[in-house]
Amino acid sequence: MTTTGKSALHTEKATFGYDERVVSRDLTVEIPDGGFTVIVGPNACGKSTLLRALSRLLAPRSGRVVLDGTDITQMKSKEVARRLGLLPQSSLSPDGITVADLIARGRHPHQKVWRQWSPEDEAAVVAAMAATGMTDLSGRLVDELSGGQRQRVWVALILAQETPLLLLDEPTTFLDISHQIELLELLTELNAHGGTLVAVLHDLNHAFRYATHVIAMRDGAIVAEGPPDAIARPEIVEHVFDLPCEIIADPVSGSPLVLPLGGQRSKRAARPGGKASR
């Protein structure tokens, strides 16, 4: 925590929007230091807008986004980039660039006119490629890779940036289930080593399994936030997603496991005592 008692990254009564449309109004959000925060909610509820604002890609219309005690809009780009790494929903790589060269761009915030490429930069890139399984593809052109492989390259880039804060907008997009779990476990490991992470995820069960703090949004507002056990309640899930469900303990991890009822809702209601047949 900072000396003000606020977390290193937070908003203060901030209003965000695009053109004439307001997405979120008077939003006050604290990102817990040293936590793995996951933002969940239905499509177009303001998740990505909040993440863009936290990363300085979107300036608030009123209120503030604060990073290390300073209004983030008043900070220099390199200063922000040394503190905060961002993986947006979609990224475009330059034509003809190799995997290693793209990942190396994550070191740009640490370089100065009198100190260009260094052994520390090299070590950071090598470690990032190893962590994301990109080492054997380092010489390949990014254009030649599959969607899932390209996503892992971008994750490696922000890992090479070596920032204490990581913001990831739907990082499991394009990844098969094996690589989704691999990435989420990597993020969990980064968090265990002291990193503060914020991710937008669509899979509730992934959120409840890996997050230490969950923010649930609907219609631009925060409906509930707290540890997964506090948010994984049928009434909260139904309110946020219009999804009737049951929640049980995951038999492997012990974390909350959401079981959507879907058409089972009417069947349950039609039976004596409201119980569905097995």
C-alpha atoms as a PDB file:
ATOM      1  CA  MET A   1       0.000   0.000   0.000  1.00  0.00           C
ATOM      2  CA  THR A   2       1.094   3.592  -0.505  1.00  0.00           C
ATOM      3  CA  THR A   3       1.584   6.054   2.325  1.00  0.00           C
ATOM      4  CA  THR A   4      -1.875   7.507   1.634  1.00  0.00           C
ATOM      5  CA  GLY A   5      -3.498   4.191   2.532  1.00  0.00           C
ATOM      6  CA  LYS A   6      -4.680   3.765  -1.059  1.00  0.00           C
ATOM      7  CA  SER A   7      -3.527   0.961  -3.327  1.00  0.00           C
ATOM      8  CA  ALA A   8      -0.837   1.738  -5.907  1.00  0.00           C
ATOM      9  CA  LEU A   9      -3.451   1.683  -8.701  1.00  0.00           C
ATOM     10  CA  HIS A  10      -6.939   3.019  -8.080  1.00  0.00           C
ATOM     11  CA  THR A  11      -9.646   5.318  -9.400  1.00  0.00           C
ATOM     12  CA  GLU A  12     -11.339   8.179  -7.577  1.00  0.00           C
ATOM     13  CA  LYS A  13     -14.939   8.930  -8.627  1.00  0.00           C
ATOM     14  CA  ALA A  14     -13.943   8.518 -12.272  1.00  0.00           C
ATOM     15  CA  THR A  15     -16.329   8.747 -15.220  1.00  0.00           C
ATOM     16  CA  PHE A  16     -15.377   7.043 -18.493  1.00  0.00           C
ATOM     17  CA  GLY A  17     -16.912   7.005 -21.939  1.00  0.00           C
ATOM     18  CA  TYR A  18     -16.529   7.279 -25.700  1.00  0.00           C
ATOM     19  CA  ASP A  19     -17.790  10.259 -27.710  1.00  0.00           C
ATOM     20  CA  GLU A  20     -21.234  11.077 -26.315  1.00  0.00           C
ATOM     21  CA  ARG A  21     -21.698   7.751 -24.523  1.00  0.00           C
ATOM     22  CA  VAL A  22     -20.911   7.376 -20.836  1.00  0.00           C
ATOM     23  CA  VAL A  23     -19.902   3.825 -19.931  1.00  0.00           C
ATOM     24  CA  SER A  24     -19.166   4.162 -16.203  1.00  0.00           C
ATOM     25  CA  ARG A  25     -19.951   7.037 -13.883  1.00  0.00           C
ATOM     26  CA  ASP A  26     -18.282   8.015 -10.564  1.00  0.00           C
ATOM     27  CA  LEU A  27     -16.365   4.744 -10.347  1.00  0.00           C
ATOM     28  CA  THR A  28     -14.088   4.273  -7.349  1.00  0.00           C
ATOM     29  CA  VAL A  29     -11.988   1.125  -7.632  1.00  0.00           C
ATOM     30  CA  GLU A  30      -9.068  -0.139  -5.547  1.00  0.00           C
ATOM     31  CA  ILE A  31      -6.768  -2.712  -7.146  1.00  0.00           C
ATOM     32  CA  PRO A  32      -5.335  -4.686  -4.198  1.00  0.00           C
ATOM     33  CA  ASP A  33      -1.543  -4.487  -4.081  1.00  0.00           C
ATOM     34  CA  GLY A  34       0.025  -7.907  -4.599  1.00  0.00           C
ATOM     35  CA  GLY A  35      -3.274  -9.453  -5.671  1.00  0.00           C
ATOM     36  CA  PHE A  36      -4.583 -11.169  -8.788  1.00  0.00           C
ATOM     37  CA  THR A  37      -7.743  -9.215  -9.597  1.00  0.00           C
ATOM     38  CA  VAL A  38     -10.123 -10.559 -12.235  1.00  0.00           C
ATOM     39  CA  ILE A  39     -12.891  -8.412 -13.715  1.00  0.00           C
ATOM     40  CA  VAL A  40     -15.977 -10.319 -14.860  1.00  0.00           C
ATOM     41  CA  GLY A  41     -19.306  -9.364 -16.347  1.00  0.00           C
ATOM     42  CA  PRO A  42     -21.443  -9.698 -19.489  1.00  0.00           C
ATOM     43  CA  ASN A  43     -20.397  -8.307 -22.857  1.00  0.00           C
ATOM     44  CA  ALA A  44     -20.298  -4.495 -23.116  1.00  0.00           C
ATOM     45  CA  CYS A  45     -20.623  -3.970 -19.355  1.00  0.00           C
ATOM     46  CA  GLY A  46     -17.499  -1.782 -19.077  1.00  0.00           C
ATOM     47  CA  LYS A  47     -14.791  -4.326 -18.205  1.00  0.00           C
ATOM     48  CA  SER A  48     -12.399  -3.410 -21.000  1.00  0.00           C
ATOM     49  CA  THR A  49     -13.198   0.282 -20.610  1.00  0.00           C
ATOM     50  CA  LEU A  50     -12.116   0.112 -16.976  1.00  0.00           C
ATOM     51  CA  LEU A  51      -8.927  -1.718 -17.932  1.00  0.00           C
ATOM     52  CA  ARG A  52      -8.150   0.863 -20.640  1.00  0.00           C
ATOM     53  CA  ALA A  53      -8.615   3.644 -18.118  1.00  0.00           C
ATOM     54  CA  LEU A  54      -6.380   1.939 -15.549  1.00  0.00           C
ATOM     55  CA  SER A  55      -3.641   1.693 -18.199  1.00  0.00           C
ATOM     56  CA  ARG A  56      -3.955   5.352 -19.329  1.00  0.00           C
ATOM     57  CA  LEU A  57      -5.297   4.449 -22.781  1.00  0.00           C
ATOM     58  CA  LEU A  58      -8.559   6.188 -21.894  1.00  0.00           C
ATOM     59  CA  ALA A  59      -8.610   9.438 -19.914  1.00  0.00           C
ATOM     60  CA  PRO A  60     -11.486   9.910 -17.464  1.00  0.00           C
ATOM     61  CA  ARG A  61     -13.984  12.662 -18.181  1.00  0.00           C
ATOM     62  CA  SER A  62     -13.986  13.483 -14.505  1.00  0.00           C
ATOM     63  CA  GLY A  63     -12.299  12.088 -11.424  1.00  0.00           C
ATOM     64  CA  ARG A  64      -8.853  10.481 -11.484  1.00  0.00           C
ATOM     65  CA  VAL A  65      -6.911   7.319 -12.121  1.00  0.00           C
ATOM     66  CA  VAL A  66      -3.976   7.217  -9.710  1.00  0.00           C
ATOM     67  CA  LEU A  67      -0.732   5.263 -10.075  1.00  0.00           C
ATOM     68  CA  ASP A  68       1.737   5.399  -7.168  1.00  0.00           C
ATOM     69  CA  GLY A  69       0.117   8.527  -5.785  1.00  0.00           C
ATOM     70  CA  THR A  70       0.159  10.459  -9.075  1.00  0.00           C
ATOM     71  CA  ASP A  71      -2.632  11.199 -11.551  1.00  0.00           C
ATOM     72  CA  ILE A  72      -1.754   8.748 -14.329  1.00  0.00           C
ATOM     73  CA  THR A  73      -2.646  11.258 -17.050  1.00  0.00           C
ATOM     74  CA  GLN A  74       0.134  13.539 -15.764  1.00  0.00           C
ATOM     75  CA  MET A  75       2.844  10.880 -15.999  1.00  0.00           C
ATOM     76  CA  LYS A  76       5.245  10.414 -18.910  1.00  0.00           C
ATOM     77  CA  SER A  77       4.661   7.388 -21.128  1.00  0.00           C
ATOM     78  CA  LYS A  78       7.965   5.701 -20.284  1.00  0.00           C
ATOM     79  CA  GLU A  79       7.366   6.276 -16.577  1.00  0.00           C
ATOM     80  CA  VAL A  80       4.002   4.507 -16.821  1.00  0.00           C
ATOM     81  CA  ALA A  81       5.488   1.722 -18.973  1.00  0.00           C
ATOM     82  CA  ARG A  82       8.160   0.982 -16.353  1.00  0.00           C
ATOM     83  CA  ARG A  83       5.430   0.490 -13.765  1.00  0.00           C
ATOM     84  CA  LEU A  84       2.617  -1.055 -15.766  1.00  0.00           C
ATOM     85  CA  GLY A  85       2.413  -3.577 -18.614  1.00  0.00           C
ATOM     86  CA  LEU A  86      -0.719  -3.919 -20.735  1.00  0.00           C
ATOM     87  CA  LEU A  87      -1.970  -6.730 -22.965  1.00  0.00           C
ATOM     88  CA  PRO A  88      -4.911  -5.265 -24.936  1.00  0.00           C
ATOM     89  CA  GLN A  89      -7.689  -7.312 -26.545  1.00  0.00           C
ATOM     90  CA  SER A  90      -6.087  -7.139 -29.974  1.00  0.00           C
ATOM     91  CA  SER A  91      -2.575  -6.175 -31.019  1.00  0.00           C
ATOM     92  CA  LEU A  92      -1.018  -5.694 -34.426  1.00  0.00           C
ATOM     93  CA  SER A  93       2.609  -6.589 -35.044  1.00  0.00           C
ATOM     94  CA  PRO A  94       4.784  -4.926 -37.693  1.00  0.00           C
ATOM     95  CA  ASP A  95       5.104  -6.888 -40.928  1.00  0.00           C
ATOM     96  CA  GLY A  96       8.142  -9.140 -41.153  1.00  0.00           C
ATOM     97  CA  ILE A  97       9.105  -9.027 -37.468  1.00  0.00           C
ATOM     98  CA  THR A  98      10.380 -12.132 -35.704  1.00  0.00           C
ATOM     99  CA  VAL A  99       9.121 -13.472 -32.406  1.00  0.00           C
ATOM    100  CA  ALA A 100      12.340 -12.542 -30.587  1.00  0.00           C
ATOM    101  CA  ASP A 101      12.404  -9.013 -32.025  1.00  0.00           C
ATOM    102  CA  LEU A 102       8.794  -8.331 -31.060  1.00  0.00           C
ATOM    103  CA  ILE A 103       9.295  -9.602 -27.506  1.00  0.00           C
ATOM    104  CA  ALA A 104      12.448  -7.473 -27.250  1.00  0.00           C
ATOM    105  CA  ARG A 105      10.279  -4.368 -27.703  1.00  0.00           C
ATOM    106  CA  GLY A 106       9.063  -4.954 -24.183  1.00  0.00           C
ATOM    107  CA  ARG A 107      12.458  -3.682 -23.011  1.00  0.00           C
ATOM    108  CA  HIS A 108      12.018  -0.261 -24.620  1.00  0.00           C
ATOM    109  CA  PRO A 109      10.855   1.508 -21.417  1.00  0.00           C
ATOM    110  CA  HIS A 110      14.102   0.504 -19.684  1.00  0.00           C
ATOM    111  CA  GLN A 111      16.438   1.803 -22.381  1.00  0.00           C
ATOM    112  CA  LYS A 112      18.027   5.234 -22.506  1.00  0.00           C
ATOM    113  CA  VAL A 113      20.020   7.145 -25.089  1.00  0.00           C
ATOM    114  CA  TRP A 114      23.277   6.185 -23.372  1.00  0.00           C
ATOM    115  CA  ARG A 115      22.224   2.618 -22.523  1.00  0.00           C
ATOM    116  CA  GLN A 116      20.696   0.563 -25.276  1.00  0.00           C
ATOM    117  CA  TRP A 117      20.623  -3.262 -25.321  1.00  0.00           C
ATOM    118  CA  SER A 118      22.145  -4.802 -22.191  1.00  0.00           C
ATOM    119  CA  PRO A 119      22.699  -8.250 -20.669  1.00  0.00           C
ATOM    120  CA  GLU A 120      19.708  -7.513 -18.397  1.00  0.00           C
ATOM    121  CA  ASP A 121      17.531  -6.917 -21.455  1.00  0.00           C
ATOM    122  CA  GLU A 122      18.724 -10.148 -23.035  1.00  0.00           C
ATOM    123  CA  ALA A 123      18.046 -12.127 -19.854  1.00  0.00           C
ATOM    124  CA  ALA A 124      14.532 -10.672 -19.539  1.00  0.00           C
ATOM    125  CA  VAL A 125      13.636 -11.625 -23.127  1.00  0.00           C
ATOM    126  CA  VAL A 126      15.069 -15.143 -22.776  1.00  0.00           C
ATOM    127  CA  ALA A 127      13.122 -15.682 -19.540  1.00  0.00           C
ATOM    128  CA  ALA A 128       9.888 -14.356 -21.070  1.00  0.00           C
ATOM    129  CA  MET A 129      10.207 -16.675 -24.081  1.00  0.00           C
ATOM    130  CA  ALA A 130      10.884 -19.660 -21.828  1.00  0.00           C
ATOM    131  CA  ALA A 131       7.902 -18.866 -19.583  1.00  0.00           C
ATOM    132  CA  THR A 132       5.509 -18.714 -22.542  1.00  0.00           C
ATOM    133  CA  GLY A 133       6.942 -21.601 -24.555  1.00  0.00           C
ATOM    134  CA  MET A 134       8.219 -19.355 -27.333  1.00  0.00           C
ATOM    135  CA  THR A 135      11.921 -20.240 -27.237  1.00  0.00           C
ATOM    136  CA  ASP A 136      11.793 -22.707 -30.137  1.00  0.00           C
ATOM    137  CA  LEU A 137       9.824 -20.195 -32.227  1.00  0.00           C
ATOM    138  CA  SER A 138      12.080 -17.202 -31.535  1.00  0.00           C
ATOM    139  CA  GLY A 139      13.297 -16.965 -35.139  1.00  0.00           C
ATOM    140  CA  ARG A 140       9.876 -17.384 -36.755  1.00  0.00           C
ATOM    141  CA  LEU A 141       7.952 -14.483 -38.247  1.00  0.00           C
ATOM    142  CA  VAL A 142       5.012 -13.479 -36.080  1.00  0.00           C
ATOM    143  CA  ASP A 143       2.825 -13.335 -39.222  1.00  0.00           C
ATOM    144  CA  GLU A 144       3.356 -17.084 -39.719  1.00  0.00           C
ATOM    145  CA  LEU A 145       2.088 -18.098 -36.291  1.00  0.00           C
ATOM    146  CA  SER A 146      -1.353 -19.323 -35.275  1.00  0.00           C
ATOM    147  CA  GLY A 147      -3.656 -17.045 -33.315  1.00  0.00           C
ATOM    148  CA  GLY A 148      -2.829 -18.829 -30.067  1.00  0.00           C
ATOM    149  CA  GLN A 149       0.899 -18.623 -30.687  1.00  0.00           C
ATOM    150  CA  ARG A 150       0.657 -14.906 -31.473  1.00  0.00           C
ATOM    151  CA  GLN A 151      -1.224 -14.348 -28.222  1.00  0.00           C
ATOM    152  CA  ARG A 152       1.589 -16.035 -26.308  1.00  0.00           C
ATOM    153  CA  VAL A 153       4.124 -13.766 -28.048  1.00  0.00           C
ATOM    154  CA  TRP A 154       2.262 -10.698 -26.792  1.00  0.00           C
ATOM    155  CA  VAL A 155       2.119 -12.152 -23.285  1.00  0.00           C
ATOM    156  CA  ALA A 156       5.891 -12.718 -23.505  1.00  0.00           C
ATOM    157  CA  LEU A 157       6.364  -9.083 -24.534  1.00  0.00           C
ATOM    158  CA  ILE A 158       4.696  -7.723 -21.414  1.00  0.00           C
ATOM    159  CA  LEU A 159       6.567 -10.264 -19.255  1.00  0.00           C
ATOM    160  CA  ALA A 160       9.843  -8.994 -20.746  1.00  0.00           C
ATOM    161  CA  GLN A 161       8.751  -5.491 -19.743  1.00  0.00           C
ATOM    162  CA  GLU A 162       9.244  -6.592 -16.101  1.00  0.00           C
ATOM    163  CA  THR A 163       6.715  -4.287 -14.480  1.00  0.00           C
ATOM    164  CA  PRO A 164       5.260  -4.712 -10.984  1.00  0.00           C
ATOM    165  CA  LEU A 165       1.754  -4.270 -12.447  1.00  0.00           C
ATOM    166  CA  LEU A 166       0.297  -6.333 -15.304  1.00  0.00           C
ATOM    167  CA  LEU A 167      -3.061  -5.567 -16.955  1.00  0.00           C
ATOM    168  CA  LEU A 168      -4.442  -8.185 -19.349  1.00  0.00           C
ATOM    169  CA  ASP A 169      -7.616  -7.871 -21.412  1.00  0.00           C
ATOM    170  CA  GLU A 170      -8.933 -11.359 -22.187  1.00  0.00           C
ATOM    171  CA  PRO A 171      -5.459 -12.951 -22.227  1.00  0.00           C
ATOM    172  CA  THR A 172      -6.806 -16.468 -22.886  1.00  0.00           C
ATOM    173  CA  THR A 173      -8.387 -15.433 -26.212  1.00  0.00           C
ATOM    174  CA  PHE A 174      -7.352 -17.737 -29.095  1.00  0.00           C
ATOM    175  CA  LEU A 175      -5.693 -20.199 -26.695  1.00  0.00           C
ATOM    176  CA  ASP A 176      -6.750 -23.842 -26.517  1.00  0.00           C
ATOM    177  CA  ILE A 177      -7.736 -25.135 -23.082  1.00  0.00           C
ATOM    178  CA  SER A 178      -4.273 -26.529 -22.332  1.00  0.00           C
ATOM    179  CA  HIS A 179      -2.565 -23.199 -23.033  1.00  0.00           C
ATOM    180  CA  GLN A 180      -5.314 -21.292 -21.189  1.00  0.00           C
ATOM    181  CA  ILE A 181      -4.523 -23.212 -18.003  1.00  0.00           C
ATOM    182  CA  GLU A 182      -0.793 -22.921 -18.618  1.00  0.00           C
ATOM    183  CA  LEU A 183      -1.086 -19.134 -18.952  1.00  0.00           C
ATOM    184  CA  LEU A 184      -3.335 -18.734 -15.906  1.00  0.00           C
ATOM    185  CA  GLU A 185      -0.944 -20.824 -13.821  1.00  0.00           C
ATOM    186  CA  LEU A 186       1.935 -18.643 -15.053  1.00  0.00           C
ATOM    187  CA  LEU A 187       0.028 -15.534 -13.988  1.00  0.00           C
ATOM    188  CA  THR A 188      -0.662 -17.141 -10.612  1.00  0.00           C
ATOM    189  CA  GLU A 189       3.052 -17.802 -10.222  1.00  0.00           C
ATOM    190  CA  LEU A 190       3.881 -14.178 -11.089  1.00  0.00           C
ATOM    191  CA  ASN A 191       1.375 -13.078  -8.475  1.00  0.00           C
ATOM    192  CA  ALA A 192       2.905 -15.431  -5.900  1.00  0.00           C
ATOM    193  CA  HIS A 193       6.255 -13.722  -6.503  1.00  0.00           C
ATOM    194  CA  GLY A 194       4.790 -10.326  -5.632  1.00  0.00           C
ATOM    195  CA  GLY A 195       3.335  -9.070  -8.904  1.00  0.00           C
ATOM    196  CA  THR A 196       0.019  -7.235  -8.975  1.00  0.00           C
ATOM    197  CA  LEU A 197      -2.213  -8.469 -11.808  1.00  0.00           C
ATOM    198  CA  VAL A 198      -5.529  -7.346 -13.254  1.00  0.00           C
ATOM    199  CA  ALA A 199      -7.234  -9.420 -15.953  1.00  0.00           C
ATOM    200  CA  VAL A 200     -10.540  -9.413 -17.772  1.00  0.00           C
ATOM    201  CA  LEU A 201     -11.812 -12.986 -18.126  1.00  0.00           C
ATOM    202  CA  HIS A 202     -15.026 -14.409 -19.554  1.00  0.00           C
ATOM    203  CA  ASP A 203     -14.782 -17.805 -17.888  1.00  0.00           C
ATOM    204  CA  LEU A 204     -16.237 -17.510 -14.382  1.00  0.00           C
ATOM    205  CA  ASN A 205     -14.744 -20.778 -13.239  1.00  0.00           C
ATOM    206  CA  HIS A 206     -11.277 -19.621 -14.270  1.00  0.00           C
ATOM    207  CA  ALA A 207     -11.871 -16.362 -12.420  1.00  0.00           C
ATOM    208  CA  PHE A 208     -12.961 -18.103  -9.227  1.00  0.00           C
ATOM    209  CA  ARG A 209     -10.137 -20.636  -9.416  1.00  0.00           C
ATOM    210  CA  TYR A 210      -7.206 -18.284 -10.030  1.00  0.00           C
ATOM    211  CA  ALA A 211      -8.153 -14.835  -8.741  1.00  0.00           C
ATOM    212  CA  THR A 212      -7.530 -13.523  -5.257  1.00  0.00           C
ATOM    213  CA  HIS A 213      -9.991 -10.656  -5.831  1.00  0.00           C
ATOM    214  CA  VAL A 214     -12.985 -10.508  -8.181  1.00  0.00           C
ATOM    215  CA  ILE A 215     -14.772  -7.418  -9.492  1.00  0.00           C
ATOM    216  CA  ALA A 216     -18.212  -8.136 -10.978  1.00  0.00           C
ATOM    217  CA  MET A 217     -19.611  -5.473 -13.318  1.00  0.00           C
ATOM    218  CA  ARG A 218     -22.925  -4.841 -15.018  1.00  0.00           C
ATOM    219  CA  ASP A 219     -24.084  -1.802 -16.999  1.00  0.00           C
ATOM    220  CA  GLY A 220     -20.876   0.091 -16.241  1.00  0.00           C
ATOM    221  CA  ALA A 221     -21.201  -0.281 -12.479  1.00  0.00           C
ATOM    222  CA  ILE A 222     -19.531  -2.525  -9.943  1.00  0.00           C
ATOM    223  CA  VAL A 223     -22.168  -4.900  -8.599  1.00  0.00           C
ATOM    224  CA  ALA A 224     -19.926  -6.775  -6.159  1.00  0.00           C
ATOM    225  CA  GLU A 225     -16.252  -7.239  -5.367  1.00  0.00           C
ATOM    226  CA  GLY A 226     -14.203  -9.287  -2.980  1.00  0.00           C
ATOM    227  CA  PRO A 227     -12.521 -12.684  -2.692  1.00  0.00           C
ATOM    228  CA  PRO A 228     -13.917 -15.414  -4.977  1.00  0.00           C
ATOM    229  CA  ASP A 229     -15.828 -17.148  -2.174  1.00  0.00           C
ATOM    230  CA  ALA A 230     -17.722 -13.913  -1.478  1.00  0.00           C
ATOM    231  CA  ILE A 231     -18.664 -13.329  -5.128  1.00  0.00           C
ATOM    232  CA  ALA A 232     -19.408 -16.934  -6.133  1.00  0.00           C
ATOM    233  CA  ARG A 233     -23.022 -16.880  -4.995  1.00  0.00           C
ATOM    234  CA  PRO A 234     -25.977 -17.914  -7.184  1.00  0.00           C
ATOM    235  CA  GLU A 235     -27.839 -14.653  -6.550  1.00  0.00           C
ATOM    236  CA  ILE A 236     -24.833 -12.551  -7.601  1.00  0.00           C
ATOM    237  CA  VAL A 237     -24.132 -14.620 -10.721  1.00  0.00           C
ATOM    238  CA  GLU A 238     -27.798 -14.477 -11.766  1.00  0.00           C
ATOM    239  CA  HIS A 239     -27.962 -10.714 -11.166  1.00  0.00           C
ATOM    240  CA  VAL A 240     -24.785 -10.028 -13.167  1.00  0.00           C
ATOM    241  CA  PHE A 241     -25.285 -12.499 -16.033  1.00  0.00           C
ATOM    242  CA  ASP A 242     -29.039 -13.283 -15.956  1.00  0.00           C
ATOM    243  CA  LEU A 243     -27.880 -16.855 -15.493  1.00  0.00           C
ATOM    244  CA  PRO A 244     -29.522 -19.200 -12.990  1.00  0.00           C
ATOM    245  CA  CYS A 245     -26.917 -21.544 -11.594  1.00  0.00           C
ATOM    246  CA  GLU A 246     -25.771 -23.730  -8.779  1.00  0.00           C
ATOM    247  CA  ILE A 247     -22.330 -23.396  -7.229  1.00  0.00           C
ATOM    248  CA  ILE A 248     -20.393 -26.301  -5.779  1.00  0.00           C
ATOM    249  CA  ALA A 249     -16.817 -26.827  -4.666  1.00  0.00           C
ATOM    250  CA  ASP A 250     -14.474 -27.849  -7.461  1.00  0.00           C
ATOM    251  CA  PRO A 251     -13.472 -31.450  -6.603  1.00  0.00           C
ATOM    252  CA  VAL A 252      -9.865 -30.767  -7.661  1.00  0.00           C
ATOM    253  CA  SER A 253      -9.059 -27.227  -6.492  1.00  0.00           C
ATOM    254  CA  GLY A 254     -11.781 -26.655  -3.900  1.00  0.00           C
ATOM    255  CA  SER A 255     -12.581 -23.315  -5.547  1.00  0.00           C
ATOM    256  CA  PRO A 256     -16.184 -22.372  -6.424  1.00  0.00           C
ATOM    257  CA  LEU A 257     -17.487 -24.102  -9.540  1.00  0.00           C
ATOM    258  CA  VAL A 258     -20.433 -22.548 -11.395  1.00  0.00           C
ATOM    259  CA  LEU A 259     -22.947 -24.992 -12.893  1.00  0.00           C
ATOM    260  CA  PRO A 260     -25.303 -23.124 -15.272  1.00  0.00           C
ATOM    261  CA  LEU A 261     -28.869 -24.396 -15.046  1.00  0.00           C
ATOM    262  CA  GLY A 262     -30.137 -23.048 -18.355  1.00  0.00           C
ATOM    263  CA  GLY A 263     -33.233 -25.014 -19.291  1.00  0.00           C
ATOM    264  CA  GLN A 264     -33.083 -26.866 -15.968  1.00  0.00           C
ATOM    265  CA  ARG A 265     -34.595 -23.792 -14.280  1.00  0.00           C
ATOM    266  CA  SER A 266     -38.104 -24.455 -15.580  1.00  0.00           C
ATOM    267  CA  LYS A 267     -37.793 -28.200 -14.941  1.00  0.00           C
ATOM    268  CA  ARG A 268     -36.837 -27.572 -11.322  1.00  0.00           C
ATOM    269  CA  ALA A 269     -39.718 -25.194 -10.807  1.00  0.00           C
ATOM    270  CA  ALA A 270     -42.209 -27.669 -12.284  1.00  0.00           C
ATOM    271  CA  ARG A 271     -41.334 -30.501  -9.910  1.00  0.00           C
ATOM    272  CA  PRO A 272     -42.576 -30.870  -6.323  1.00  0.00           C
ATOM    273  CA  GLY A 273     -40.176 -29.092  -4.003  1.00  0.00           C
ATOM    274  CA  GLY A 274     -38.466 -27.427  -6.990  1.00  0.00           C
ATOM    275  CA  LYS A 275     -35.919 -30.239  -7.383  1.00  0.00           C
ATOM    276  CA  ALA A 276     -34.808 -31.497 -10.751  1.00  0.00           C
ATOM    277  CA  SER A 277     -34.703 -35.201 -11.490  1.00  0.00           C
ATOM    278  CA  ARG A 278     -31.320 -36.854 -11.818  1.00  0.00           C
END
